[in-house]
Amino acid sequence: MMVNVDKKKKDLYFVISMIIFAVFVEIRYFEHSINPQDTTAFAFSYKYGFISRGFMGTLLQVLDSVMSRNLLSYKGIYYISFVATVVLIGLIIYMFYKVLQKVDDKKRLLPEAIMAFIAINAFPMYFSRDNFGRLDVYLTIIMIVSILLIQEEKFEWLLVPLSILAMLIHHGYVFMNVNIVLVLLLYKAAKTEAAQRKKYLILFALVFIAVSIMFLYFEFFSHLHGEAIYQEIHDTAAAISEDGQSVNDSLLKHEILGLDVYDDEYAYRRLNQVEFPKYLVLYSPILVAALMLIIEIIKNAKDRFTKMLHVMILLGGVTVLPEMVLKVDYGRYVFALILYYSTILLVLIAMGDEAVDGALTTMRTKYKKFVWAIPGLLIYAMIFVPYRAVRISEVVNTITFFIYGFH
């Protein structure tokens, strides 16, 4: 009984430390501003038809009509965005707590290190001007809720409407976030008995079909009346921006008019091409540590089927690659990859995955020989946060500017 009490205290202390860290992050990284890229998206609504990214603007219009406060304004978007960011951080900490409840007290070191790594990367993400107010925060909230439903095996039917809601907010969910939901559903199907397997396969099919159909519609068929509504949305976007006149023309052209803006983003792609290789080199100590862990997980898989299952999990992150080929927000894409792999590892720990448990046991042995390794890597990871949007991070961008003279 005493062991359980001690474990609960340790879990509570860790949660408190995460809350304190979150407060520090808000003080240190919050830039108190939303850029036109993100305010423009709130000008979209279903008053103009069933257009992409129309849900949040519609929600604000509805709330605005029933409340005395002017929510469809820069100030309204600012405060709602702040609340959403706090909710996301709270959900991440709650996920940590639910994982800790399932972790053996003698094996908590590496799970806590993974949680600290997630916190270092995720907590500052939506406080920078590049990403504060971005629709991604709502997609990540939905993703974390979906993970908790699968992990706790409660109300899993909600995964389908949650995925539809995410697509209504931003159809980039299909590349950036739904991967972990689909992979975990397949994992559960592979690990459960026949009676439960059917449920998870049906959920997988429903989520996959729903997000695929909605992506195709929003990407190719939601721009039929674009020219008729363009100017009104443009004027609304300008009115709700920080200075009352700025809009993101590229976003309007693509989402409202359906135009290809690939050529317009040449300068951004050039920046990606010089920044990304440098980021990989600079981030290589953490990438090497991650590769070592992946190799150990595959080695600890007891049979061919289990190895293939974990290879499938490893390949889940490739859904971000189309965005990296066609788009330019490499800071967001790098963060999405970090969040996918670190979070799914944490969930597998909570689910008692034997291959992951065996790999972590091996890594714990190595950690005893290199006591400095984990805290050293965590401190090193802090150099790169917060991840930005087109720019990956400040340190990489500074190096790029020093070498090439542009950023």
Protein backbone atom coordinates (compact mmCIF):
# COMPACT_ATOMS: atom_id res chain seq x y z
CA MET A 1 0.00 0.00 0.00
CA MET A 2 2.84 2.36 0.82
CA VAL A 3 4.32 1.80 -2.62
CA ASN A 4 1.04 2.88 -4.25
CA VAL A 5 0.87 5.98 -2.08
CA ASP A 6 4.48 6.87 -2.92
CA LYS A 7 3.81 6.34 -6.62
CA LYS A 8 0.76 8.59 -6.53
CA LYS A 9 2.86 11.29 -4.87
CA LYS A 10 5.55 10.96 -7.52
CA ASP A 11 2.92 11.16 -10.27
CA LEU A 12 1.44 14.26 -8.65
CA TYR A 13 4.85 15.90 -8.24
CA PHE A 14 5.63 15.29 -11.90
CA VAL A 15 2.30 16.81 -12.97
CA ILE A 16 2.96 19.85 -10.77
CA SER A 17 6.43 20.22 -12.30
CA MET A 18 4.84 20.18 -15.77
CA ILE A 19 2.37 22.89 -14.74
CA ILE A 20 5.22 25.03 -13.40
CA PHE A 21 7.14 24.48 -16.64
CA ALA A 22 4.06 25.49 -18.65
CA VAL A 23 3.85 28.76 -16.72
CA PHE A 24 7.55 29.38 -17.39
CA VAL A 25 7.00 28.70 -21.10
CA GLU A 26 4.12 31.18 -21.25
CA ILE A 27 6.27 33.86 -19.61
CA ARG A 28 9.33 33.10 -21.71
CA TYR A 29 7.88 32.47 -25.18
CA PHE A 30 4.50 34.19 -25.47
CA GLU A 31 4.84 36.93 -28.10
CA HIS A 32 1.31 38.36 -27.61
CA SER A 33 0.50 38.70 -31.29
CA ILE A 34 -1.36 36.88 -34.08
CA ASN A 35 -0.06 37.21 -37.61
CA PRO A 36 -2.35 37.84 -40.64
CA GLN A 37 -1.95 34.22 -41.80
CA ASP A 38 -3.88 33.08 -38.75
CA THR A 39 -6.45 35.87 -38.38
CA THR A 40 -7.38 35.51 -42.06
CA ALA A 41 -8.57 31.95 -41.49
CA PHE A 42 -11.22 33.18 -39.03
CA ALA A 43 -12.84 35.22 -41.81
CA PHE A 44 -13.97 31.98 -43.49
CA SER A 45 -17.45 30.76 -42.54
CA TYR A 46 -20.34 28.70 -43.85
CA LYS A 47 -22.36 31.84 -44.63
CA TYR A 48 -20.36 31.65 -47.89
CA GLY A 49 -21.20 27.98 -48.47
CA PHE A 50 -19.55 24.76 -47.40
CA ILE A 51 -15.99 26.06 -47.80
CA SER A 52 -12.74 24.75 -46.32
CA ARG A 53 -11.64 25.98 -42.87
CA GLY A 54 -15.09 27.44 -42.31
CA PHE A 55 -15.91 25.97 -38.91
CA MET A 56 -14.05 28.31 -36.54
CA GLY A 57 -15.24 31.46 -38.29
CA THR A 58 -18.80 30.13 -38.21
CA LEU A 59 -18.47 29.26 -34.52
CA LEU A 60 -17.25 32.78 -33.73
CA GLN A 61 -20.15 34.29 -35.71
CA VAL A 62 -22.67 32.17 -33.79
CA LEU A 63 -21.13 33.02 -30.42
CA ASP A 64 -20.89 36.65 -31.44
CA SER A 65 -24.62 36.74 -32.20
CA VAL A 66 -25.65 35.35 -28.79
CA MET A 67 -23.11 37.12 -26.57
CA SER A 68 -22.63 40.78 -25.82
CA ARG A 69 -18.88 40.64 -26.55
CA ASN A 70 -17.51 41.18 -30.06
CA LEU A 71 -15.79 37.82 -30.62
CA LEU A 72 -15.36 38.20 -34.38
CA SER A 73 -12.55 40.68 -33.85
CA TYR A 74 -8.82 40.63 -33.31
CA LYS A 75 -9.29 40.83 -29.53
CA GLY A 76 -11.89 38.06 -29.57
CA ILE A 77 -9.65 35.77 -31.64
CA TYR A 78 -6.72 36.63 -29.35
CA TYR A 79 -8.47 35.56 -26.16
CA ILE A 80 -10.06 32.45 -27.67
CA SER A 81 -6.66 31.44 -29.02
CA PHE A 82 -5.08 31.88 -25.59
CA VAL A 83 -7.76 29.70 -23.98
CA ALA A 84 -7.30 27.04 -26.67
CA THR A 85 -3.52 27.01 -26.10
CA VAL A 86 -4.00 26.58 -22.33
CA VAL A 87 -6.55 23.80 -22.94
CA LEU A 88 -4.08 22.00 -25.21
CA ILE A 89 -1.29 22.18 -22.63
CA GLY A 90 -3.72 20.98 -19.95
CA LEU A 91 -4.73 18.00 -22.10
CA ILE A 92 -1.10 17.08 -22.74
CA ILE A 93 -0.37 17.16 -19.00
CA TYR A 94 -3.49 15.05 -18.37
CA MET A 95 -2.24 12.55 -20.96
CA PHE A 96 1.07 12.42 -19.08
CA TYR A 97 -0.80 11.67 -15.86
CA LYS A 98 -2.83 8.85 -17.44
CA VAL A 99 0.36 7.30 -18.80
CA LEU A 100 2.15 7.58 -15.45
CA GLN A 101 -0.72 5.69 -13.81
CA LYS A 102 0.11 2.71 -16.02
CA VAL A 103 3.91 2.85 -15.64
CA ASP A 104 5.81 0.68 -13.17
CA ASP A 105 7.37 2.92 -10.54
CA LYS A 106 10.78 1.32 -11.15
CA LYS A 107 10.56 2.11 -14.88
CA ARG A 108 9.38 5.72 -14.77
CA LEU A 109 12.68 7.42 -15.66
CA LEU A 110 12.53 7.11 -19.45
CA PRO A 111 8.75 7.66 -19.76
CA GLU A 112 9.19 10.86 -17.76
CA ALA A 113 12.08 11.86 -20.03
CA ILE A 114 9.84 11.34 -23.08
CA MET A 115 7.12 13.43 -21.44
CA ALA A 116 9.64 16.18 -20.70
CA PHE A 117 10.73 16.05 -24.36
CA ILE A 118 7.11 16.42 -25.52
CA ALA A 119 6.58 19.32 -23.10
CA ILE A 120 9.74 21.10 -24.26
CA ASN A 121 8.59 20.92 -27.87
CA ALA A 122 4.81 21.26 -27.55
CA PHE A 123 4.26 23.81 -24.77
CA PRO A 124 5.98 26.75 -26.56
CA MET A 125 4.67 25.86 -30.02
CA TYR A 126 1.50 27.94 -30.02
CA PHE A 127 2.79 30.93 -28.05
CA SER A 128 4.97 32.35 -30.83
CA ARG A 129 3.61 34.92 -33.28
CA ASP A 130 4.12 32.40 -36.07
CA ASN A 131 1.64 29.93 -34.55
CA PHE A 132 -0.41 31.66 -31.86
CA GLY A 133 -4.00 31.60 -33.08
CA ARG A 134 -3.24 29.04 -35.78
CA LEU A 135 -5.94 26.47 -36.45
CA ASP A 136 -3.38 23.73 -35.75
CA VAL A 137 -3.97 24.18 -32.02
CA TYR A 138 -7.55 22.89 -32.38
CA LEU A 139 -6.39 19.97 -34.52
CA THR A 140 -3.83 19.02 -31.89
CA ILE A 141 -6.49 19.21 -29.16
CA ILE A 142 -8.67 16.82 -31.15
CA MET A 143 -5.69 14.55 -31.75
CA ILE A 144 -4.84 14.35 -28.02
CA VAL A 145 -8.48 13.69 -27.08
CA SER A 146 -8.60 10.92 -29.71
CA ILE A 147 -5.42 9.37 -28.32
CA LEU A 148 -6.88 9.40 -24.80
CA LEU A 149 -10.07 7.70 -26.02
CA ILE A 150 -8.06 4.92 -27.67
CA GLN A 151 -5.64 4.56 -24.78
CA GLU A 152 -8.40 4.40 -22.15
CA GLU A 153 -10.77 2.40 -24.41
CA LYS A 154 -13.69 4.71 -23.64
CA PHE A 155 -16.23 6.33 -26.01
CA GLU A 156 -14.11 5.27 -28.98
CA TRP A 157 -17.05 5.82 -31.37
CA LEU A 158 -16.39 9.55 -30.86
CA LEU A 159 -13.27 9.18 -33.01
CA VAL A 160 -15.39 9.47 -36.16
CA PRO A 161 -17.20 12.76 -35.34
CA LEU A 162 -13.99 14.17 -33.85
CA SER A 163 -12.15 13.45 -37.10
CA ILE A 164 -14.96 15.08 -39.11
CA LEU A 165 -14.83 18.13 -36.81
CA ALA A 166 -11.06 18.38 -37.31
CA MET A 167 -11.49 18.32 -41.09
CA LEU A 168 -14.10 21.08 -40.84
CA ILE A 169 -11.58 23.19 -38.94
CA HIS A 170 -8.64 22.53 -41.28
CA HIS A 171 -8.36 19.73 -43.83
CA GLY A 172 -4.60 19.61 -43.26
CA TYR A 173 -5.57 17.25 -40.40
CA VAL A 174 -5.43 14.45 -42.95
CA PHE A 175 -1.65 14.87 -43.26
CA MET A 176 -0.58 16.36 -39.93
CA ASN A 177 -2.58 14.66 -37.18
CA VAL A 178 -4.88 11.81 -38.12
CA ASN A 179 -1.89 9.52 -38.77
CA ILE A 180 -1.49 8.69 -35.07
CA VAL A 181 -5.21 7.94 -34.70
CA LEU A 182 -5.25 5.57 -37.68
CA VAL A 183 -2.01 3.84 -36.66
CA LEU A 184 -3.24 3.29 -33.09
CA LEU A 185 -6.52 1.84 -34.37
CA LEU A 186 -4.61 -0.65 -36.53
CA TYR A 187 -2.32 -1.42 -33.59
CA LYS A 188 -5.32 -2.11 -31.35
CA ALA A 189 -6.88 -4.30 -34.05
CA ALA A 190 -3.67 -6.33 -34.28
CA LYS A 191 -3.33 -6.69 -30.51
CA THR A 192 -6.91 -7.47 -29.47
CA GLU A 193 -9.03 -10.59 -29.75
CA ALA A 194 -11.32 -11.25 -32.73
CA ALA A 195 -14.41 -9.74 -31.08
CA GLN A 196 -12.65 -6.39 -30.50
CA ARG A 197 -10.62 -6.52 -33.72
CA LYS A 198 -13.71 -5.98 -35.84
CA LYS A 199 -14.61 -2.84 -33.87
CA TYR A 200 -11.19 -1.27 -34.39
CA LEU A 201 -11.10 -2.15 -38.09
CA ILE A 202 -14.54 -0.58 -38.58
CA LEU A 203 -13.43 2.56 -36.70
CA PHE A 204 -10.28 2.70 -38.83
CA ALA A 205 -12.31 2.42 -42.03
CA LEU A 206 -14.85 5.05 -40.97
CA VAL A 207 -12.20 7.58 -39.91
CA PHE A 208 -10.11 6.96 -43.02
CA ILE A 209 -13.06 7.24 -45.41
CA ALA A 210 -14.45 10.34 -43.67
CA VAL A 211 -11.20 12.32 -43.73
CA SER A 212 -10.37 11.21 -47.28
CA ILE A 213 -13.74 12.26 -48.74
CA MET A 214 -13.70 15.58 -46.91
CA PHE A 215 -10.12 16.31 -48.00
CA LEU A 216 -10.98 15.66 -51.65
CA TYR A 217 -14.05 17.88 -51.42
CA PHE A 218 -12.31 20.81 -49.70
CA GLU A 219 -9.24 20.62 -51.90
CA PHE A 220 -10.98 20.31 -55.27
CA PHE A 221 -14.72 21.11 -55.07
CA SER A 222 -15.27 23.86 -52.47
CA HIS A 223 -14.23 26.82 -54.65
CA LEU A 224 -17.17 27.00 -57.07
CA HIS A 225 -18.36 30.42 -55.88
CA GLY A 226 -14.94 31.77 -54.92
CA GLU A 227 -14.95 34.90 -57.07
CA ALA A 228 -18.36 35.98 -55.77
CA ILE A 229 -17.34 35.78 -52.10
CA TYR A 230 -13.65 36.69 -52.33
CA GLN A 231 -13.90 40.44 -51.72
CA GLU A 232 -16.21 40.15 -48.72
CA ILE A 233 -13.96 37.59 -47.06
CA HIS A 234 -10.94 39.73 -47.89
CA ASP A 235 -12.53 42.76 -46.22
CA THR A 236 -13.52 40.72 -43.14
CA ALA A 237 -10.02 39.29 -42.87
CA ALA A 238 -8.53 42.80 -42.99
CA ALA A 239 -10.94 44.06 -40.32
CA ILE A 240 -10.07 41.30 -37.83
CA SER A 241 -6.28 41.53 -38.31
CA GLU A 242 -4.04 43.15 -35.71
CA ASP A 243 -3.58 46.39 -37.67
CA GLY A 244 -7.04 46.35 -39.26
CA GLN A 245 -5.76 46.04 -42.82
CA SER A 246 -3.51 42.98 -43.25
CA VAL A 247 -4.60 39.75 -44.94
CA ASN A 248 -2.84 36.64 -46.19
CA ASP A 249 -3.43 36.79 -49.94
CA SER A 250 -1.89 33.38 -50.58
CA LEU A 251 -4.35 31.70 -48.21
CA LEU A 252 -7.32 33.48 -49.79
CA LYS A 253 -6.20 32.62 -53.31
CA HIS A 254 -5.83 28.93 -52.54
CA GLU A 255 -8.77 28.30 -50.20
CA ILE A 256 -11.36 30.66 -51.72
CA LEU A 257 -10.39 30.85 -55.40
CA GLY A 258 -8.79 27.40 -55.62
CA LEU A 259 -5.65 28.80 -57.25
CA ASP A 260 -2.28 27.05 -57.18
CA VAL A 261 0.11 29.24 -55.17
CA TYR A 262 3.16 26.99 -55.64
CA ASP A 263 5.03 29.54 -57.77
CA ASP A 264 4.20 32.37 -55.35
CA GLU A 265 6.08 30.54 -52.59
CA TYR A 266 9.43 30.21 -54.39
CA ALA A 267 11.30 32.36 -51.85
CA TYR A 268 9.92 30.29 -48.98
CA ARG A 269 10.92 27.01 -50.67
CA ARG A 270 14.42 28.36 -51.18
CA LEU A 271 14.58 29.06 -47.45
CA ASN A 272 13.36 25.49 -46.75
CA GLN A 273 16.05 24.06 -49.00
CA VAL A 274 18.88 25.75 -47.14
CA GLU A 275 17.43 25.48 -43.62
CA PHE A 276 16.23 21.88 -43.47
CA PRO A 277 19.59 20.16 -44.11
CA LYS A 278 21.20 22.38 -41.47
CA TYR A 279 18.45 21.52 -39.04
CA LEU A 280 19.04 17.79 -39.59
CA VAL A 281 22.76 18.21 -38.92
CA LEU A 282 22.20 20.33 -35.82
CA TYR A 283 19.48 18.00 -34.52
CA SER A 284 21.52 14.85 -35.25
CA PRO A 285 22.36 14.04 -31.57
CA ILE A 286 18.65 13.65 -30.84
CA LEU A 287 18.01 11.89 -34.16
CA VAL A 288 20.79 9.39 -33.42
CA ALA A 289 19.33 8.68 -29.96
CA ALA A 290 15.89 8.18 -31.56
CA LEU A 291 17.37 5.84 -34.18
CA MET A 292 19.06 3.78 -31.46
CA LEU A 293 15.73 3.41 -29.68
CA ILE A 294 13.93 2.45 -32.91
CA ILE A 295 16.54 -0.24 -33.63
CA GLU A 296 16.11 -1.62 -30.10
CA ILE A 297 12.32 -1.70 -30.48
CA ILE A 298 12.54 -3.66 -33.76
CA LYS A 299 15.13 -6.02 -32.21
CA ASN A 300 12.86 -6.66 -29.23
CA ALA A 301 9.84 -7.52 -31.38
CA LYS A 302 9.41 -11.23 -30.72
CA ASP A 303 8.23 -12.38 -34.17
CA ARG A 304 7.95 -11.28 -37.77
CA PHE A 305 4.37 -10.05 -37.38
CA THR A 306 5.29 -7.88 -34.40
CA LYS A 307 8.27 -6.47 -36.27
CA MET A 308 6.04 -5.55 -39.22
CA LEU A 309 3.53 -3.98 -36.81
CA HIS A 310 6.22 -1.70 -35.40
CA VAL A 311 7.54 -0.88 -38.88
CA MET A 312 3.97 0.22 -39.72
CA ILE A 313 4.03 2.50 -36.67
CA LEU A 314 7.39 3.88 -37.81
CA LEU A 315 5.99 4.64 -41.27
CA GLY A 316 2.98 6.48 -39.86
CA GLY A 317 4.86 9.75 -39.90
CA VAL A 318 5.29 9.69 -43.70
CA THR A 319 1.84 11.27 -44.09
CA VAL A 320 3.57 14.59 -43.40
CA LEU A 321 5.83 14.17 -46.45
CA PRO A 322 3.29 15.41 -49.06
CA GLU A 323 3.08 18.66 -47.10
CA MET A 324 6.87 18.92 -47.09
CA VAL A 325 6.99 18.41 -50.85
CA LEU A 326 4.16 20.77 -51.82
CA LYS A 327 4.05 23.33 -49.00
CA VAL A 328 6.54 25.50 -47.14
CA ASP A 329 5.73 25.52 -43.40
CA TYR A 330 8.69 23.38 -42.39
CA GLY A 331 8.59 24.51 -38.76
CA ARG A 332 5.08 23.08 -38.46
CA TYR A 333 6.00 19.88 -40.30
CA VAL A 334 9.07 19.20 -38.18
CA PHE A 335 6.99 19.75 -35.04
CA ALA A 336 4.28 17.38 -36.36
CA LEU A 337 6.88 14.65 -36.87
CA ILE A 338 8.38 15.18 -33.41
CA LEU A 339 4.92 15.09 -31.82
CA TYR A 340 3.90 11.96 -33.75
CA TYR A 341 6.89 9.82 -32.82
CA SER A 342 7.28 10.96 -29.22
CA THR A 343 3.56 10.73 -28.46
CA ILE A 344 3.01 7.34 -30.05
CA LEU A 345 6.00 6.02 -28.12
CA LEU A 346 4.43 7.28 -24.91
CA VAL A 347 1.08 5.66 -25.75
CA LEU A 348 2.76 2.33 -26.53
CA ILE A 349 4.40 2.49 -23.10
CA ALA A 350 0.97 3.03 -21.53
CA MET A 351 -0.44 0.12 -23.52
CA GLY A 352 2.31 -2.18 -22.23
CA ASP A 353 3.90 -2.88 -25.60
CA GLU A 354 6.49 -5.61 -25.00
CA ALA A 355 8.91 -4.54 -27.72
CA VAL A 356 8.96 -0.96 -26.43
CA ASP A 357 9.33 -2.15 -22.84
CA GLY A 358 12.29 -4.34 -23.80
CA ALA A 359 13.91 -1.51 -25.75
CA LEU A 360 13.52 0.88 -22.83
CA THR A 361 15.06 -1.68 -20.48
CA THR A 362 18.10 -1.81 -22.76
CA MET A 363 18.24 1.98 -22.94
CA ARG A 364 18.03 2.24 -19.15
CA THR A 365 21.13 0.05 -18.91
CA LYS A 366 22.96 2.34 -21.31
CA TYR A 367 21.74 5.39 -19.40
CA LYS A 368 23.47 4.14 -16.26
CA LYS A 369 26.77 4.30 -18.15
CA PHE A 370 26.05 7.78 -19.53
CA VAL A 371 24.20 9.59 -16.75
CA TRP A 372 24.46 12.92 -18.55
CA ALA A 373 22.87 11.70 -21.82
CA ILE A 374 19.15 12.20 -21.13
CA PRO A 375 19.31 15.58 -19.35
CA GLY A 376 21.89 16.70 -21.91
CA LEU A 377 19.60 15.83 -24.84
CA LEU A 378 16.62 17.49 -23.17
CA ILE A 379 18.56 20.70 -22.61
CA TYR A 380 19.83 20.53 -26.20
CA ALA A 381 16.25 20.15 -27.49
CA MET A 382 15.35 23.46 -25.82
CA ILE A 383 17.72 25.30 -28.15
CA PHE A 384 15.37 24.68 -31.08
CA VAL A 385 12.07 25.82 -29.56
CA PRO A 386 9.70 27.29 -30.32
CA TYR A 387 9.28 25.82 -33.78
CA ARG A 388 8.06 28.44 -36.18
CA ALA A 389 6.13 28.20 -39.46
CA VAL A 390 8.13 28.67 -42.69
CA ARG A 391 11.24 29.21 -40.59
CA ILE A 392 12.05 26.05 -38.65
CA SER A 393 13.46 27.71 -35.54
CA GLU A 394 15.41 30.77 -34.48
CA VAL A 395 18.76 29.01 -34.13
CA VAL A 396 18.56 27.46 -37.62
CA ASN A 397 17.30 30.71 -39.13
CA THR A 398 20.12 32.68 -37.50
CA ILE A 399 22.72 30.32 -38.94
CA THR A 400 21.06 30.54 -42.37
CA PHE A 401 21.14 34.33 -42.22
CA PHE A 402 24.79 34.34 -41.15
CA ILE A 403 25.80 32.09 -44.08
CA TYR A 404 23.45 33.21 -46.85
CA GLY A 405 22.33 36.66 -45.76
CA PHE A 406 18.58 36.00 -45.97
CA HIS A 407 15.82 34.65 -43.75
